[in-house]
Amino acid sequence: MVRVSEELTIDDTLTRWSAADRAGTPLLVLLHGYGADEHDLFGLTPYLPDGVAVASVAAPLSPPWPMPGRSWYAIEGLDGRSSDSVTSAAEAFLRWLDDAAADAPAVALLGFSQGAAVALQAMRLAPERVDTVVALSGYVAAGELPNDEALTALKPHVFWGRGTNDQVIPEARIVHTAQWLPAHSELSGRVYTGLTHSISEDELGDVHTFLTKWLERTTKG
């Protein structure tokens, strides 16, 4: 029986890169949200620190018509937002990472909503490949994975940002994430008053600071 995760493929021809010459440069990968595409988060590039190559990938699925864009996993139906679906998407992403960015000296992920869930799941699946994660308006998928116990010792740096007025992510997933992240990561984060399911300039400022510190750690390492 073929696993669903083995059928998911990220189309690398759709990936947007900030620079053609990326040799020896730390990589930041952007993972968009439901109904968006590889162009969506690429607009954040001017707000990101210098000295990093940026790749914005297109999720492998198309959401149900008439929703535009792409999706990492289904959010509708009985299996909507299932942890297995998040894992399948994260496995597809890691295959892309191994093929497209195997020579990157350090890798950080920045995901929004669905993309944040997939970024965190990729960190859980392959902590040796993912140094740090910026999770915006997202959550940690429920359930246990084999590397979770190791993460309690590794404590990778994670930034988790969300808004007080975000009505998209179910409350149960926010509660789970608030419990899980402090135990499995070196957590930085902020809850933005009045922010909906979106990204604010204040949040981008915090992200810039967080990623600058990541680059400093990478240089020292």
N, C-alpha and C. Protein backbone atom coordinates (compact mmCIF):
# COMPACT_ATOMS: atom_id res chain seq x y z
N MET A 1 0.84 -1.20 0.00
CA MET A 1 0.00 0.00 0.00
C MET A 1 0.88 1.25 0.00
N VAL A 2 0.61 2.17 -0.90
CA VAL A 2 1.40 3.38 -1.01
C VAL A 2 0.91 4.39 0.02
N ARG A 3 1.81 4.94 0.83
CA ARG A 3 1.44 5.93 1.82
C ARG A 3 1.14 7.25 1.15
N VAL A 4 0.20 7.99 1.71
CA VAL A 4 -0.17 9.28 1.14
C VAL A 4 1.03 10.22 1.10
N SER A 5 1.86 10.18 2.13
CA SER A 5 3.00 11.08 2.20
C SER A 5 3.95 10.88 1.03
N GLU A 6 4.02 9.63 0.49
CA GLU A 6 4.91 9.35 -0.61
C GLU A 6 4.33 9.86 -1.93
N GLU A 7 3.07 10.19 -1.94
CA GLU A 7 2.45 10.71 -3.14
C GLU A 7 2.54 12.23 -3.23
N LEU A 8 2.76 12.88 -2.10
CA LEU A 8 2.84 14.33 -2.10
C LEU A 8 4.19 14.78 -2.65
N THR A 9 4.14 15.72 -3.57
CA THR A 9 5.35 16.23 -4.19
C THR A 9 5.28 17.74 -4.29
N ILE A 10 6.33 18.40 -3.88
CA ILE A 10 6.42 19.85 -4.02
C ILE A 10 7.07 20.15 -5.37
N ASP A 11 6.42 20.96 -6.15
CA ASP A 11 6.92 21.33 -7.48
C ASP A 11 8.00 22.40 -7.34
N ASP A 12 9.25 21.98 -7.48
CA ASP A 12 10.36 22.92 -7.27
C ASP A 12 10.42 24.00 -8.34
N THR A 13 9.79 23.78 -9.48
CA THR A 13 9.80 24.82 -10.51
C THR A 13 8.99 26.04 -10.08
N LEU A 14 8.15 25.88 -9.07
CA LEU A 14 7.35 27.00 -8.57
C LEU A 14 8.04 27.77 -7.45
N THR A 15 9.11 27.21 -6.91
CA THR A 15 9.79 27.86 -5.79
C THR A 15 10.38 29.20 -6.20
N ARG A 16 10.15 30.21 -5.38
CA ARG A 16 10.74 31.53 -5.60
C ARG A 16 11.98 31.68 -4.71
N TRP A 17 13.08 32.10 -5.33
CA TRP A 17 14.34 32.29 -4.63
C TRP A 17 14.71 33.76 -4.63
N SER A 18 15.31 34.21 -3.55
CA SER A 18 15.72 35.61 -3.46
C SER A 18 17.01 35.88 -4.21
N ALA A 19 17.80 34.84 -4.42
CA ALA A 19 19.09 35.02 -5.09
C ALA A 19 19.48 33.72 -5.79
N ALA A 20 20.17 33.86 -6.92
CA ALA A 20 20.63 32.68 -7.65
C ALA A 20 21.87 32.09 -7.00
N ASP A 21 22.76 32.96 -6.50
CA ASP A 21 24.00 32.52 -5.86
C ASP A 21 23.75 32.38 -4.36
N ARG A 22 23.61 31.15 -3.89
CA ARG A 22 23.28 30.91 -2.49
C ARG A 22 24.35 30.10 -1.77
N ALA A 23 25.46 29.85 -2.41
CA ALA A 23 26.49 28.99 -1.83
C ALA A 23 26.97 29.54 -0.49
N GLY A 24 26.95 28.70 0.52
CA GLY A 24 27.47 29.08 1.82
C GLY A 24 26.60 30.03 2.61
N THR A 25 25.38 30.28 2.14
CA THR A 25 24.50 31.25 2.78
C THR A 25 23.42 30.53 3.57
N PRO A 26 23.16 30.94 4.82
CA PRO A 26 22.04 30.35 5.58
C PRO A 26 20.73 30.53 4.81
N LEU A 27 19.86 29.54 4.92
CA LEU A 27 18.62 29.52 4.15
C LEU A 27 17.41 29.71 5.05
N LEU A 28 16.51 30.58 4.64
CA LEU A 28 15.21 30.74 5.28
C LEU A 28 14.15 30.33 4.28
N VAL A 29 13.34 29.33 4.64
CA VAL A 29 12.29 28.84 3.76
C VAL A 29 10.95 29.33 4.26
N LEU A 30 10.14 29.87 3.35
CA LEU A 30 8.82 30.40 3.67
C LEU A 30 7.75 29.38 3.27
N LEU A 31 6.84 29.09 4.19
CA LEU A 31 5.75 28.14 3.94
C LEU A 31 4.42 28.87 4.13
N HIS A 32 3.71 29.06 3.04
CA HIS A 32 2.50 29.88 3.04
C HIS A 32 1.32 29.16 3.69
N GLY A 33 0.22 29.88 3.83
CA GLY A 33 -0.98 29.35 4.45
C GLY A 33 -1.97 28.81 3.43
N TYR A 34 -3.10 28.36 3.92
CA TYR A 34 -4.15 27.75 3.12
C TYR A 34 -4.73 28.75 2.11
N GLY A 35 -4.80 28.35 0.85
CA GLY A 35 -5.36 29.19 -0.19
C GLY A 35 -4.41 30.23 -0.75
N ALA A 36 -3.18 30.26 -0.25
CA ALA A 36 -2.17 31.17 -0.79
C ALA A 36 -1.25 30.39 -1.72
N ASP A 37 -0.11 30.98 -2.05
CA ASP A 37 0.84 30.28 -2.91
C ASP A 37 2.24 30.80 -2.62
N GLU A 38 3.19 30.42 -3.46
CA GLU A 38 4.59 30.77 -3.22
C GLU A 38 4.87 32.26 -3.30
N HIS A 39 3.95 33.03 -3.88
CA HIS A 39 4.15 34.48 -4.00
C HIS A 39 3.76 35.23 -2.73
N ASP A 40 2.93 34.61 -1.91
CA ASP A 40 2.32 35.30 -0.78
C ASP A 40 3.35 35.82 0.23
N LEU A 41 4.06 34.94 0.87
CA LEU A 41 5.02 35.35 1.91
C LEU A 41 6.30 35.93 1.33
N PHE A 42 6.54 35.76 0.03
CA PHE A 42 7.76 36.31 -0.56
C PHE A 42 7.80 37.83 -0.42
N GLY A 43 6.63 38.45 -0.27
CA GLY A 43 6.59 39.89 -0.06
C GLY A 43 7.18 40.33 1.26
N LEU A 44 7.45 39.38 2.17
CA LEU A 44 8.06 39.71 3.45
C LEU A 44 9.57 39.89 3.35
N THR A 45 10.15 39.53 2.22
CA THR A 45 11.61 39.55 2.07
C THR A 45 12.25 40.87 2.51
N PRO A 46 11.69 42.04 2.18
CA PRO A 46 12.33 43.30 2.63
C PRO A 46 12.36 43.46 4.14
N TYR A 47 11.52 42.73 4.86
CA TYR A 47 11.46 42.84 6.32
C TYR A 47 12.39 41.85 7.01
N LEU A 48 13.08 41.02 6.25
CA LEU A 48 13.94 39.99 6.81
C LEU A 48 15.38 40.48 6.90
N PRO A 49 16.18 39.93 7.78
CA PRO A 49 17.57 40.39 7.92
C PRO A 49 18.41 40.08 6.69
N ASP A 50 19.47 40.86 6.52
CA ASP A 50 20.42 40.61 5.44
C ASP A 50 21.24 39.35 5.75
N GLY A 51 21.89 38.83 4.73
CA GLY A 51 22.77 37.70 4.93
C GLY A 51 22.08 36.36 4.93
N VAL A 52 20.87 36.31 4.38
CA VAL A 52 20.13 35.06 4.33
C VAL A 52 19.54 34.87 2.93
N ALA A 53 19.59 33.65 2.42
CA ALA A 53 18.90 33.32 1.17
C ALA A 53 17.48 32.92 1.53
N VAL A 54 16.53 33.35 0.70
CA VAL A 54 15.11 33.09 0.97
C VAL A 54 14.53 32.23 -0.15
N ALA A 55 13.82 31.18 0.25
CA ALA A 55 13.08 30.35 -0.71
C ALA A 55 11.63 30.30 -0.26
N SER A 56 10.71 30.53 -1.17
CA SER A 56 9.29 30.44 -0.87
C SER A 56 8.70 29.32 -1.70
N VAL A 57 8.20 28.28 -1.02
CA VAL A 57 7.76 27.07 -1.71
C VAL A 57 6.24 27.06 -1.88
N ALA A 58 5.80 26.33 -2.89
CA ALA A 58 4.37 26.15 -3.14
C ALA A 58 3.93 24.83 -2.53
N ALA A 59 2.87 24.86 -1.75
CA ALA A 59 2.34 23.64 -1.13
C ALA A 59 1.91 22.64 -2.21
N PRO A 60 1.85 21.35 -1.89
CA PRO A 60 1.63 20.33 -2.92
C PRO A 60 0.18 20.11 -3.34
N LEU A 61 -0.80 20.66 -2.63
CA LEU A 61 -2.20 20.36 -2.92
C LEU A 61 -2.96 21.60 -3.38
N SER A 62 -4.09 21.35 -4.05
CA SER A 62 -5.01 22.41 -4.42
C SER A 62 -6.24 22.29 -3.53
N PRO A 63 -6.66 23.37 -2.87
CA PRO A 63 -7.86 23.28 -2.03
C PRO A 63 -9.11 23.12 -2.90
N PRO A 64 -10.23 22.72 -2.31
CA PRO A 64 -11.45 22.53 -3.08
C PRO A 64 -11.90 23.81 -3.79
N TRP A 65 -12.37 23.65 -5.02
CA TRP A 65 -12.93 24.77 -5.77
C TRP A 65 -14.09 25.37 -4.98
N PRO A 66 -14.25 26.69 -4.92
CA PRO A 66 -13.54 27.72 -5.70
C PRO A 66 -12.39 28.38 -4.96
N MET A 67 -11.90 27.78 -3.88
CA MET A 67 -10.77 28.36 -3.16
C MET A 67 -9.55 28.45 -4.06
N PRO A 68 -8.90 29.61 -4.13
CA PRO A 68 -7.71 29.74 -4.97
C PRO A 68 -6.47 29.20 -4.26
N GLY A 69 -5.35 29.29 -4.94
CA GLY A 69 -4.08 28.98 -4.32
C GLY A 69 -3.86 27.50 -4.08
N ARG A 70 -3.09 27.21 -3.01
CA ARG A 70 -2.67 25.85 -2.72
C ARG A 70 -2.83 25.57 -1.23
N SER A 71 -2.68 24.31 -0.86
CA SER A 71 -2.78 23.94 0.56
C SER A 71 -1.79 22.83 0.88
N TRP A 72 -1.42 22.77 2.15
CA TRP A 72 -0.52 21.72 2.62
C TRP A 72 -1.29 20.47 3.01
N TYR A 73 -2.51 20.67 3.50
CA TYR A 73 -3.37 19.55 3.89
C TYR A 73 -4.80 20.06 3.96
N ALA A 74 -5.74 19.14 3.99
CA ALA A 74 -7.15 19.52 4.00
C ALA A 74 -7.55 20.05 5.38
N ILE A 75 -8.42 21.06 5.39
CA ILE A 75 -8.94 21.55 6.66
C ILE A 75 -10.44 21.29 6.77
N GLU A 76 -11.03 20.76 5.69
CA GLU A 76 -12.45 20.46 5.70
C GLU A 76 -12.66 18.95 5.82
N GLY A 77 -13.87 18.53 6.17
CA GLY A 77 -14.18 17.11 6.26
C GLY A 77 -13.81 16.51 7.60
N LEU A 78 -14.10 15.21 7.73
CA LEU A 78 -13.87 14.52 9.00
C LEU A 78 -12.39 14.45 9.36
N ASP A 79 -11.52 14.43 8.35
CA ASP A 79 -10.09 14.33 8.60
C ASP A 79 -9.39 15.68 8.52
N GLY A 80 -10.15 16.75 8.51
CA GLY A 80 -9.54 18.07 8.41
C GLY A 80 -8.57 18.33 9.56
N ARG A 81 -7.42 18.87 9.20
CA ARG A 81 -6.36 19.20 10.15
C ARG A 81 -5.84 17.96 10.91
N SER A 82 -5.96 16.79 10.33
CA SER A 82 -5.47 15.60 11.02
C SER A 82 -3.95 15.64 11.14
N SER A 83 -3.43 15.10 12.25
CA SER A 83 -1.99 15.11 12.47
C SER A 83 -1.26 14.31 11.40
N ASP A 84 -1.86 13.22 10.93
CA ASP A 84 -1.23 12.43 9.87
C ASP A 84 -1.07 13.25 8.59
N SER A 85 -2.05 14.10 8.29
CA SER A 85 -1.96 14.94 7.10
C SER A 85 -0.86 15.98 7.25
N VAL A 86 -0.72 16.53 8.44
CA VAL A 86 0.36 17.49 8.69
C VAL A 86 1.71 16.80 8.53
N THR A 87 1.81 15.59 9.05
CA THR A 87 3.05 14.83 8.92
C THR A 87 3.36 14.53 7.46
N SER A 88 2.36 14.14 6.69
CA SER A 88 2.57 13.86 5.26
C SER A 88 3.11 15.08 4.54
N ALA A 89 2.54 16.24 4.84
CA ALA A 89 3.01 17.47 4.21
C ALA A 89 4.44 17.79 4.64
N ALA A 90 4.74 17.59 5.92
CA ALA A 90 6.09 17.87 6.41
C ALA A 90 7.11 16.93 5.79
N GLU A 91 6.74 15.67 5.58
CA GLU A 91 7.65 14.73 4.93
C GLU A 91 7.91 15.14 3.49
N ALA A 92 6.88 15.59 2.80
CA ALA A 92 7.06 16.08 1.42
C ALA A 92 7.98 17.29 1.41
N PHE A 93 7.79 18.18 2.37
CA PHE A 93 8.65 19.36 2.44
C PHE A 93 10.10 18.97 2.69
N LEU A 94 10.34 18.02 3.59
CA LEU A 94 11.71 17.62 3.88
C LEU A 94 12.37 16.96 2.68
N ARG A 95 11.61 16.25 1.87
CA ARG A 95 12.17 15.70 0.63
C ARG A 95 12.59 16.84 -0.30
N TRP A 96 11.75 17.87 -0.37
CA TRP A 96 12.13 19.04 -1.18
C TRP A 96 13.40 19.66 -0.62
N LEU A 97 13.47 19.81 0.70
CA LEU A 97 14.63 20.43 1.33
C LEU A 97 15.90 19.66 1.04
N ASP A 98 15.84 18.34 1.11
CA ASP A 98 17.01 17.52 0.84
C ASP A 98 17.47 17.66 -0.61
N ASP A 99 16.54 17.82 -1.53
CA ASP A 99 16.89 17.94 -2.94
C ASP A 99 17.34 19.35 -3.32
N ALA A 100 16.61 20.35 -2.84
CA ALA A 100 16.83 21.73 -3.30
C ALA A 100 17.83 22.50 -2.47
N ALA A 101 18.03 22.09 -1.22
CA ALA A 101 18.86 22.91 -0.34
C ALA A 101 19.78 22.06 0.52
N ALA A 102 20.25 20.97 -0.03
CA ALA A 102 21.09 20.06 0.75
C ALA A 102 22.40 20.71 1.19
N ASP A 103 22.88 21.73 0.44
CA ASP A 103 24.16 22.34 0.76
C ASP A 103 24.04 23.59 1.63
N ALA A 104 22.85 23.91 2.09
CA ALA A 104 22.68 25.09 2.95
C ALA A 104 23.35 24.84 4.29
N PRO A 105 24.19 25.76 4.78
CA PRO A 105 24.90 25.53 6.03
C PRO A 105 24.00 25.58 7.26
N ALA A 106 22.86 26.25 7.15
CA ALA A 106 21.89 26.33 8.24
C ALA A 106 20.53 26.63 7.63
N VAL A 107 19.49 26.10 8.25
CA VAL A 107 18.14 26.24 7.70
C VAL A 107 17.18 26.71 8.78
N ALA A 108 16.43 27.76 8.46
CA ALA A 108 15.33 28.23 9.31
C ALA A 108 14.05 28.19 8.48
N LEU A 109 12.94 27.97 9.16
CA LEU A 109 11.64 27.93 8.49
C LEU A 109 10.75 29.02 9.05
N LEU A 110 10.01 29.68 8.16
CA LEU A 110 9.00 30.66 8.58
C LEU A 110 7.69 30.26 7.92
N GLY A 111 6.73 29.88 8.75
CA GLY A 111 5.45 29.45 8.21
C GLY A 111 4.31 30.26 8.78
N PHE A 112 3.28 30.42 7.96
CA PHE A 112 2.06 31.10 8.39
C PHE A 112 0.90 30.12 8.36
N SER A 113 0.15 30.03 9.47
CA SER A 113 -1.04 29.21 9.57
C SER A 113 -0.72 27.74 9.25
N GLN A 114 -1.28 27.18 8.18
CA GLN A 114 -0.92 25.81 7.79
C GLN A 114 0.59 25.66 7.65
N GLY A 115 1.22 26.63 7.03
CA GLY A 115 2.66 26.57 6.84
C GLY A 115 3.42 26.51 8.15
N ALA A 116 2.90 27.17 9.18
CA ALA A 116 3.53 27.12 10.50
C ALA A 116 3.41 25.72 11.09
N ALA A 117 2.23 25.11 10.95
CA ALA A 117 2.05 23.75 11.45
C ALA A 117 3.00 22.78 10.77
N VAL A 118 3.16 22.92 9.45
CA VAL A 118 4.06 22.05 8.70
C VAL A 118 5.51 22.32 9.08
N ALA A 119 5.88 23.57 9.27
CA ALA A 119 7.25 23.91 9.66
C ALA A 119 7.59 23.28 11.01
N LEU A 120 6.69 23.39 11.97
CA LEU A 120 6.94 22.80 13.28
C LEU A 120 7.01 21.27 13.20
N GLN A 121 6.17 20.69 12.35
CA GLN A 121 6.19 19.23 12.19
C GLN A 121 7.49 18.79 11.52
N ALA A 122 7.99 19.57 10.58
CA ALA A 122 9.27 19.25 9.94
C ALA A 122 10.40 19.29 10.96
N MET A 123 10.36 20.27 11.85
CA MET A 123 11.36 20.35 12.92
C MET A 123 11.30 19.12 13.80
N ARG A 124 10.09 18.65 14.09
CA ARG A 124 9.94 17.47 14.93
C ARG A 124 10.44 16.21 14.23
N LEU A 125 10.23 16.13 12.92
CA LEU A 125 10.65 14.96 12.16
C LEU A 125 12.15 14.93 11.92
N ALA A 126 12.75 16.11 11.70
CA ALA A 126 14.17 16.16 11.33
C ALA A 126 14.86 17.35 12.00
N PRO A 127 15.03 17.29 13.32
CA PRO A 127 15.67 18.41 14.01
C PRO A 127 17.10 18.66 13.56
N GLU A 128 17.72 17.65 12.96
CA GLU A 128 19.08 17.85 12.46
C GLU A 128 19.11 18.68 11.18
N ARG A 129 17.97 18.83 10.51
CA ARG A 129 17.91 19.61 9.27
C ARG A 129 17.35 21.01 9.48
N VAL A 130 16.62 21.19 10.55
CA VAL A 130 15.94 22.47 10.79
C VAL A 130 16.48 23.09 12.08
N ASP A 131 17.13 24.24 11.95
CA ASP A 131 17.74 24.88 13.11
C ASP A 131 16.73 25.62 13.97
N THR A 132 15.81 26.31 13.31
CA THR A 132 14.90 27.19 14.05
C THR A 132 13.63 27.40 13.23
N VAL A 133 12.53 27.75 13.90
CA VAL A 133 11.24 27.92 13.24
C VAL A 133 10.57 29.19 13.72
N VAL A 134 10.03 29.94 12.77
CA VAL A 134 9.14 31.06 13.06
C VAL A 134 7.73 30.59 12.69
N ALA A 135 6.86 30.48 13.69
CA ALA A 135 5.50 29.99 13.48
C ALA A 135 4.52 31.13 13.73
N LEU A 136 3.89 31.60 12.66
CA LEU A 136 2.97 32.72 12.76
C LEU A 136 1.55 32.24 12.57
N SER A 137 0.69 32.49 13.54
CA SER A 137 -0.73 32.12 13.48
C SER A 137 -0.91 30.64 13.19
N GLY A 138 -0.07 29.81 13.78
CA GLY A 138 -0.13 28.38 13.54
C GLY A 138 -0.18 27.59 14.83
N TYR A 139 0.12 26.30 14.73
CA TYR A 139 -0.02 25.43 15.89
C TYR A 139 0.82 24.18 15.73
N VAL A 140 1.02 23.47 16.83
CA VAL A 140 1.70 22.18 16.83
C VAL A 140 0.65 21.07 16.69
N ALA A 141 0.86 20.17 15.75
CA ALA A 141 -0.07 19.07 15.56
C ALA A 141 -0.08 18.15 16.77
N ALA A 142 -1.23 17.59 17.07
CA ALA A 142 -1.38 16.70 18.21
C ALA A 142 -0.67 15.38 17.96
N GLY A 143 -0.46 14.63 19.03
CA GLY A 143 0.18 13.33 18.91
C GLY A 143 1.67 13.40 19.18
N GLU A 144 2.29 12.22 19.26
CA GLU A 144 3.71 12.13 19.54
C GLU A 144 4.47 11.66 18.30
N LEU A 145 5.71 12.13 18.18
CA LEU A 145 6.61 11.70 17.12
C LEU A 145 7.90 11.20 17.75
N PRO A 146 8.66 10.35 17.04
CA PRO A 146 9.83 9.70 17.64
C PRO A 146 10.87 10.65 18.21
N ASN A 147 11.05 11.84 17.63
CA ASN A 147 12.08 12.76 18.08
C ASN A 147 11.62 13.73 19.16
N ASP A 148 10.37 13.64 19.58
CA ASP A 148 9.86 14.61 20.55
C ASP A 148 10.66 14.61 21.85
N GLU A 149 11.01 13.41 22.33
CA GLU A 149 11.77 13.35 23.58
C GLU A 149 13.14 13.99 23.42
N ALA A 150 13.77 13.79 22.25
CA ALA A 150 15.08 14.40 22.01
C ALA A 150 14.97 15.93 21.98
N LEU A 151 13.84 16.43 21.51
CA LEU A 151 13.67 17.88 21.45
C LEU A 151 13.65 18.51 22.83
N THR A 152 13.23 17.77 23.83
CA THR A 152 13.23 18.33 25.18
C THR A 152 14.63 18.65 25.65
N ALA A 153 15.63 17.97 25.07
CA ALA A 153 17.03 18.25 25.39
C ALA A 153 17.65 19.22 24.40
N LEU A 154 17.32 19.06 23.12
CA LEU A 154 17.89 19.93 22.08
C LEU A 154 17.39 21.37 22.21
N LYS A 155 16.12 21.53 22.54
CA LYS A 155 15.48 22.84 22.70
C LYS A 155 15.81 23.79 21.53
N PRO A 156 15.38 23.47 20.30
CA PRO A 156 15.59 24.40 19.18
C PRO A 156 14.83 25.69 19.42
N HIS A 157 15.34 26.78 18.89
CA HIS A 157 14.71 28.09 19.07
C HIS A 157 13.47 28.19 18.18
N VAL A 158 12.37 28.59 18.78
CA VAL A 158 11.10 28.76 18.07
C VAL A 158 10.49 30.09 18.46
N PHE A 159 10.00 30.81 17.45
CA PHE A 159 9.20 32.02 17.68
C PHE A 159 7.76 31.69 17.30
N TRP A 160 6.85 31.95 18.23
CA TRP A 160 5.43 31.71 17.99
C TRP A 160 4.67 33.02 18.19
N GLY A 161 4.10 33.52 17.11
CA GLY A 161 3.33 34.75 17.17
C GLY A 161 1.89 34.51 16.76
N ARG A 162 0.95 35.13 17.48
CA ARG A 162 -0.47 35.00 17.13
C ARG A 162 -1.23 36.21 17.65
N GLY A 163 -2.44 36.39 17.14
CA GLY A 163 -3.25 37.55 17.52
C GLY A 163 -4.37 37.18 18.47
N THR A 164 -4.78 38.13 19.29
CA THR A 164 -5.88 37.89 20.22
C THR A 164 -7.21 37.71 19.49
N ASN A 165 -7.32 38.26 18.28
CA ASN A 165 -8.58 38.19 17.54
C ASN A 165 -8.55 37.17 16.40
N ASP A 166 -7.64 36.22 16.48
CA ASP A 166 -7.56 35.16 15.46
C ASP A 166 -8.65 34.14 15.73
N GLN A 167 -9.62 34.06 14.83
CA GLN A 167 -10.74 33.13 14.98
C GLN A 167 -10.61 31.90 14.08
N VAL A 168 -9.45 31.73 13.43
CA VAL A 168 -9.28 30.66 12.45
C VAL A 168 -8.76 29.38 13.09
N ILE A 169 -7.76 29.48 13.93
CA ILE A 169 -7.17 28.30 14.54
C ILE A 169 -8.01 27.89 15.75
N PRO A 170 -8.47 26.63 15.80
CA PRO A 170 -9.30 26.19 16.92
C PRO A 170 -8.60 26.36 18.26
N GLU A 171 -9.36 26.73 19.26
CA GLU A 171 -8.81 27.01 20.59
C GLU A 171 -8.07 25.81 21.17
N ALA A 172 -8.57 24.61 20.93
CA ALA A 172 -7.91 23.42 21.47
C ALA A 172 -6.49 23.29 20.96
N ARG A 173 -6.26 23.68 19.70
CA ARG A 173 -4.91 23.58 19.15
C ARG A 173 -4.00 24.66 19.71
N ILE A 174 -4.55 25.82 20.02
CA ILE A 174 -3.76 26.87 20.66
C ILE A 174 -3.34 26.42 22.06
N VAL A 175 -4.27 25.84 22.81
CA VAL A 175 -3.96 25.36 24.16
C VAL A 175 -2.88 24.29 24.11
N HIS A 176 -3.01 23.34 23.18
CA HIS A 176 -2.00 22.28 23.05
C HIS A 176 -0.63 22.88 22.72
N THR A 177 -0.59 23.82 21.80
CA THR A 177 0.67 24.44 21.39
C THR A 177 1.31 25.19 22.55
N ALA A 178 0.50 25.89 23.32
CA ALA A 178 1.00 26.64 24.47
C ALA A 178 1.60 25.73 25.53
N GLN A 179 1.16 24.49 25.57
CA GLN A 179 1.72 23.53 26.50
C GLN A 179 2.94 22.81 25.92
N TRP A 180 2.89 22.53 24.63
CA TRP A 180 3.93 21.71 23.99
C TRP A 180 5.22 22.49 23.75
N LEU A 181 5.12 23.68 23.23
CA LEU A 181 6.32 24.41 22.81
C LEU A 181 7.29 24.71 23.95
N PRO A 182 6.85 25.17 25.11
CA PRO A 182 7.83 25.44 26.17
C PRO A 182 8.61 24.20 26.63
N ALA A 183 8.02 23.03 26.49
CA ALA A 183 8.69 21.80 26.91
C ALA A 183 9.65 21.27 25.86
N HIS A 184 9.47 21.66 24.60
CA HIS A 184 10.25 21.08 23.51
C HIS A 184 11.07 22.09 22.73
N SER A 185 11.09 23.34 23.15
CA SER A 185 11.85 24.35 22.41
C SER A 185 12.29 25.47 23.34
N GLU A 186 13.23 26.26 22.84
CA GLU A 186 13.58 27.52 23.49
C GLU A 186 12.64 28.55 22.89
N LEU A 187 11.56 28.81 23.58
CA LEU A 187 10.44 29.54 22.99
C LEU A 187 10.53 31.04 23.21
N SER A 188 10.37 31.75 22.09
CA SER A 188 10.13 33.19 22.12
C SER A 188 8.76 33.40 21.49
N GLY A 189 8.05 34.38 21.93
CA GLY A 189 6.74 34.58 21.33
C GLY A 189 6.03 35.79 21.87
N ARG A 190 4.93 36.08 21.22
CA ARG A 190 4.15 37.24 21.61
C ARG A 190 2.73 37.07 21.09
N VAL A 191 1.79 37.50 21.92
CA VAL A 191 0.39 37.55 21.51
C VAL A 191 0.07 39.02 21.23
N TYR A 192 -0.39 39.30 20.02
CA TYR A 192 -0.57 40.68 19.56
C TYR A 192 -2.02 41.10 19.73
N THR A 193 -2.21 42.12 20.55
CA THR A 193 -3.56 42.59 20.86
C THR A 193 -4.25 43.13 19.61
N GLY A 194 -5.45 42.61 19.35
CA GLY A 194 -6.25 43.08 18.22
C GLY A 194 -5.93 42.46 16.89
N LEU A 195 -4.85 41.69 16.81
CA LEU A 195 -4.45 41.09 15.53
C LEU A 195 -5.36 39.92 15.19
N THR A 196 -5.81 39.86 13.94
CA THR A 196 -6.62 38.75 13.46
C THR A 196 -5.71 37.67 12.89
N HIS A 197 -6.20 36.86 11.98
CA HIS A 197 -5.40 35.80 11.35
C HIS A 197 -4.55 36.43 10.26
N SER A 198 -3.53 37.15 10.67
CA SER A 198 -2.71 37.93 9.74
C SER A 198 -1.38 38.23 10.40
N ILE A 199 -0.57 39.03 9.71
CA ILE A 199 0.76 39.41 10.19
C ILE A 199 0.82 40.93 10.30
N SER A 200 1.33 41.43 11.41
CA SER A 200 1.41 42.88 11.63
C SER A 200 2.85 43.37 11.51
N GLU A 201 3.02 44.68 11.41
CA GLU A 201 4.36 45.25 11.35
C GLU A 201 5.11 45.03 12.66
N ASP A 202 4.40 45.10 13.78
CA ASP A 202 5.05 44.81 15.06
C ASP A 202 5.59 43.39 15.08
N GLU A 203 4.82 42.47 14.57
CA GLU A 203 5.24 41.07 14.53
C GLU A 203 6.45 40.91 13.62
N LEU A 204 6.45 41.58 12.49
CA LEU A 204 7.59 41.49 11.57
C LEU A 204 8.86 42.03 12.22
N GLY A 205 8.72 43.07 13.04
CA GLY A 205 9.87 43.57 13.77
C GLY A 205 10.42 42.54 14.74
N ASP A 206 9.53 41.84 15.42
CA ASP A 206 9.97 40.78 16.34
C ASP A 206 10.60 39.63 15.58
N VAL A 207 10.05 39.30 14.43
CA VAL A 207 10.62 38.23 13.60
C VAL A 207 12.02 38.61 13.13
N HIS A 208 12.19 39.86 12.73
CA HIS A 208 13.51 40.32 12.29
C HIS A 208 14.53 40.15 13.40
N THR A 209 14.18 40.54 14.61
CA THR A 209 15.08 40.40 15.75
C THR A 209 15.41 38.94 16.02
N PHE A 210 14.38 38.10 15.99
CA PHE A 210 14.56 36.67 16.24
C PHE A 210 15.49 36.03 15.22
N LEU A 211 15.28 36.33 13.93
CA LEU A 211 16.12 35.74 12.89
C LEU A 211 17.53 36.31 12.89
N THR A 212 17.68 37.55 13.29
CA THR A 212 19.02 38.14 13.41
C THR A 212 19.82 37.38 14.47
N LYS A 213 19.18 37.04 15.58
CA LYS A 213 19.85 36.26 16.62
C LYS A 213 20.19 34.86 16.11
N TRP A 214 19.31 34.28 15.29
CA TRP A 214 19.63 32.99 14.68
C TRP A 214 20.88 33.08 13.81
N LEU A 215 20.96 34.11 13.00
CA LEU A 215 22.14 34.28 12.14
C LEU A 215 23.40 34.48 12.98
N GLU A 216 23.30 35.18 14.08
CA GLU A 216 24.45 35.38 14.95
C GLU A 216 24.91 34.06 15.55
N ARG A 217 23.96 33.22 15.96
CA ARG A 217 24.32 31.90 16.49
C ARG A 217 24.95 31.04 15.40
N THR A 218 24.44 31.15 14.18
CA THR A 218 24.98 30.38 13.06
C THR A 218 26.42 30.78 12.78
N THR A 219 26.69 32.07 12.81
CA THR A 219 28.04 32.58 12.56
C THR A 219 29.01 32.11 13.64
N LYS A 220 28.57 32.17 14.89
CA LYS A 220 29.42 31.75 15.98
C LYS A 220 29.70 30.24 15.94
N GLY A 221 28.66 29.50 15.45
CA GLY A 221 28.82 28.05 15.38
C GLY A 221 29.81 27.63 14.31
